[in-house]
Amino acid sequence: MNEIIFLVEEADEGGFIAKALGESIVTQAETLDELKIQVRDAVRCHFDADKLPKMIRFHFVRDEVFAI
């Protein structure tokens, strides 16, 4: 695997949640810098060393609601 993609959303209670596409990896943190550390650690724990992705991509998802 060359790359793993995480959907990143703002958590209702504050901070951020990251969910991997195609893998059972979910983590959260208060800041984006902390989230990067958490995601790296989670990816390293999830994969064997020989299957470790070379890159992690964040895809930010944001809902915006406005009046008509």
N, C-alpha and C. Protein backbone atom coordinates (compact mmCIF):
# COMPACT_ATOMS: atom_id res chain seq x y z
N MET A 1 0.85 -1.18 0.00
CA MET A 1 0.00 0.00 0.00
C MET A 1 0.90 1.24 0.00
N ASN A 2 0.58 2.15 -0.86
CA ASN A 2 1.38 3.35 -1.00
C ASN A 2 0.85 4.51 -0.15
N GLU A 3 -0.48 4.55 0.03
CA GLU A 3 -1.10 5.68 0.71
C GLU A 3 -2.35 5.22 1.45
N ILE A 4 -2.61 5.86 2.58
CA ILE A 4 -3.86 5.63 3.31
C ILE A 4 -4.53 6.99 3.47
N ILE A 5 -5.85 7.02 3.28
CA ILE A 5 -6.61 8.27 3.33
C ILE A 5 -7.50 8.27 4.56
N PHE A 6 -7.48 9.40 5.26
CA PHE A 6 -8.34 9.61 6.42
C PHE A 6 -9.31 10.75 6.15
N LEU A 7 -10.59 10.52 6.47
CA LEU A 7 -11.57 11.59 6.48
C LEU A 7 -11.45 12.30 7.82
N VAL A 8 -11.29 13.60 7.80
CA VAL A 8 -11.13 14.38 9.03
C VAL A 8 -12.32 15.31 9.18
N GLU A 9 -12.97 15.22 10.34
CA GLU A 9 -14.13 16.06 10.64
C GLU A 9 -13.93 16.73 11.99
N GLU A 10 -14.58 17.88 12.15
CA GLU A 10 -14.58 18.50 13.47
C GLU A 10 -15.53 17.73 14.36
N ALA A 11 -15.10 17.42 15.57
CA ALA A 11 -15.93 16.70 16.53
C ALA A 11 -16.94 17.65 17.15
N ASP A 12 -18.12 17.14 17.47
CA ASP A 12 -19.17 17.97 18.09
C ASP A 12 -18.71 18.58 19.40
N GLU A 13 -17.91 17.83 20.16
CA GLU A 13 -17.46 18.30 21.47
C GLU A 13 -16.15 19.09 21.38
N GLY A 14 -15.67 19.34 20.17
CA GLY A 14 -14.41 20.06 19.97
C GLY A 14 -13.32 19.13 19.50
N GLY A 15 -12.33 19.67 18.85
CA GLY A 15 -11.24 18.85 18.33
C GLY A 15 -11.61 18.23 16.99
N PHE A 16 -10.91 17.15 16.65
CA PHE A 16 -11.07 16.52 15.34
C PHE A 16 -11.13 15.00 15.47
N ILE A 17 -11.83 14.38 14.52
CA ILE A 17 -11.91 12.92 14.42
C ILE A 17 -11.38 12.53 13.04
N ALA A 18 -10.53 11.50 12.98
CA ALA A 18 -10.01 10.99 11.72
C ALA A 18 -10.41 9.53 11.57
N LYS A 19 -11.01 9.19 10.40
CA LYS A 19 -11.44 7.83 10.12
C LYS A 19 -10.79 7.38 8.81
N ALA A 20 -10.12 6.24 8.84
CA ALA A 20 -9.45 5.72 7.65
C ALA A 20 -10.47 5.14 6.68
N LEU A 21 -10.21 5.34 5.38
CA LEU A 21 -11.04 4.71 4.35
C LEU A 21 -10.48 3.32 4.07
N GLY A 22 -11.34 2.31 4.18
CA GLY A 22 -10.94 0.95 3.87
C GLY A 22 -10.21 0.20 4.97
N GLU A 23 -10.00 0.84 6.09
CA GLU A 23 -9.33 0.20 7.24
C GLU A 23 -10.11 0.56 8.51
N SER A 24 -9.97 -0.26 9.52
CA SER A 24 -10.66 -0.01 10.80
C SER A 24 -9.76 0.81 11.72
N ILE A 25 -9.53 2.06 11.34
CA ILE A 25 -8.71 2.96 12.16
C ILE A 25 -9.49 4.24 12.39
N VAL A 26 -9.69 4.59 13.64
CA VAL A 26 -10.36 5.83 14.03
C VAL A 26 -9.60 6.41 15.20
N THR A 27 -9.34 7.71 15.17
CA THR A 27 -8.68 8.36 16.30
C THR A 27 -9.15 9.81 16.37
N GLN A 28 -8.84 10.46 17.48
CA GLN A 28 -9.25 11.85 17.65
C GLN A 28 -8.21 12.61 18.45
N ALA A 29 -8.28 13.95 18.34
CA ALA A 29 -7.35 14.81 19.08
C ALA A 29 -7.94 16.21 19.14
N GLU A 30 -7.37 17.03 20.00
CA GLU A 30 -7.85 18.40 20.18
C GLU A 30 -7.38 19.35 19.07
N THR A 31 -6.17 19.13 18.54
CA THR A 31 -5.63 20.00 17.49
C THR A 31 -5.20 19.16 16.29
N LEU A 32 -4.99 19.82 15.16
CA LEU A 32 -4.53 19.11 13.97
C LEU A 32 -3.13 18.55 14.15
N ASP A 33 -2.26 19.27 14.83
CA ASP A 33 -0.91 18.76 15.09
C ASP A 33 -0.97 17.49 15.93
N GLU A 34 -1.80 17.49 16.96
CA GLU A 34 -1.97 16.29 17.79
C GLU A 34 -2.60 15.16 16.99
N LEU A 35 -3.52 15.50 16.09
CA LEU A 35 -4.19 14.48 15.28
C LEU A 35 -3.18 13.78 14.36
N LYS A 36 -2.26 14.52 13.80
CA LYS A 36 -1.23 13.91 12.95
C LYS A 36 -0.41 12.89 13.73
N ILE A 37 -0.07 13.22 14.95
CA ILE A 37 0.69 12.30 15.81
C ILE A 37 -0.15 11.06 16.12
N GLN A 38 -1.41 11.27 16.48
CA GLN A 38 -2.31 10.15 16.80
C GLN A 38 -2.50 9.23 15.60
N VAL A 39 -2.68 9.82 14.41
CA VAL A 39 -2.90 9.02 13.21
C VAL A 39 -1.65 8.22 12.86
N ARG A 40 -0.48 8.84 12.93
CA ARG A 40 0.77 8.10 12.67
C ARG A 40 0.90 6.90 13.60
N ASP A 41 0.65 7.13 14.89
CA ASP A 41 0.75 6.04 15.87
C ASP A 41 -0.26 4.93 15.56
N ALA A 42 -1.49 5.32 15.22
CA ALA A 42 -2.53 4.33 14.93
C ALA A 42 -2.18 3.52 13.68
N VAL A 43 -1.66 4.18 12.66
CA VAL A 43 -1.28 3.48 11.43
C VAL A 43 -0.13 2.50 11.70
N ARG A 44 0.85 2.93 12.47
CA ARG A 44 1.98 2.05 12.80
C ARG A 44 1.53 0.83 13.60
N CYS A 45 0.54 1.01 14.46
CA CYS A 45 0.03 -0.12 15.24
C CYS A 45 -0.84 -1.06 14.40
N HIS A 46 -1.53 -0.52 13.43
CA HIS A 46 -2.48 -1.29 12.62
C HIS A 46 -1.79 -2.19 11.59
N PHE A 47 -0.70 -1.72 11.00
CA PHE A 47 -0.03 -2.45 9.92
C PHE A 47 1.27 -3.09 10.39
N ASP A 48 1.60 -4.22 9.79
CA ASP A 48 2.93 -4.80 9.98
C ASP A 48 3.94 -3.90 9.27
N ALA A 49 5.19 -3.94 9.69
CA ALA A 49 6.22 -3.05 9.14
C ALA A 49 6.35 -3.17 7.62
N ASP A 50 6.19 -4.37 7.09
CA ASP A 50 6.34 -4.55 5.64
C ASP A 50 5.11 -4.11 4.85
N LYS A 51 4.00 -3.82 5.51
CA LYS A 51 2.76 -3.37 4.85
C LYS A 51 2.44 -1.91 5.14
N LEU A 52 3.31 -1.22 5.85
CA LEU A 52 3.09 0.16 6.27
C LEU A 52 2.98 1.09 5.06
N PRO A 53 1.92 1.91 4.97
CA PRO A 53 1.80 2.86 3.87
C PRO A 53 2.92 3.89 3.92
N LYS A 54 3.30 4.39 2.76
CA LYS A 54 4.36 5.38 2.70
C LYS A 54 3.85 6.80 3.00
N MET A 55 2.57 7.05 2.72
CA MET A 55 2.00 8.38 2.94
C MET A 55 0.63 8.28 3.61
N ILE A 56 0.31 9.34 4.34
CA ILE A 56 -1.01 9.50 4.94
C ILE A 56 -1.61 10.76 4.35
N ARG A 57 -2.84 10.66 3.85
CA ARG A 57 -3.53 11.82 3.28
C ARG A 57 -4.74 12.15 4.15
N PHE A 58 -4.89 13.42 4.49
CA PHE A 58 -6.08 13.90 5.19
C PHE A 58 -7.03 14.51 4.18
N HIS A 59 -8.29 14.08 4.22
CA HIS A 59 -9.35 14.67 3.41
C HIS A 59 -10.30 15.33 4.40
N PHE A 60 -10.36 16.65 4.38
CA PHE A 60 -11.17 17.40 5.34
C PHE A 60 -12.61 17.49 4.86
N VAL A 61 -13.53 17.13 5.76
CA VAL A 61 -14.97 17.17 5.48
C VAL A 61 -15.57 18.22 6.39
N ARG A 62 -16.30 19.15 5.77
CA ARG A 62 -16.89 20.22 6.57
C ARG A 62 -18.29 20.49 6.06
N ASP A 63 -19.24 20.52 6.95
CA ASP A 63 -20.62 20.89 6.61
C ASP A 63 -20.80 22.37 6.85
N GLU A 64 -21.48 23.01 5.93
CA GLU A 64 -21.80 24.42 6.10
C GLU A 64 -23.29 24.58 5.81
N VAL A 65 -24.00 25.15 6.77
CA VAL A 65 -25.44 25.34 6.65
C VAL A 65 -25.71 26.84 6.65
N PHE A 66 -26.56 27.27 5.70
CA PHE A 66 -26.90 28.69 5.64
C PHE A 66 -28.34 28.83 5.19
N ALA A 67 -28.93 29.98 5.52
CA ALA A 67 -30.34 30.24 5.22
C ALA A 67 -30.53 30.57 3.75
N ILE A 68 -31.73 30.28 3.27
CA ILE A 68 -32.08 30.59 1.88
C ILE A 68 -32.50 32.04 1.77
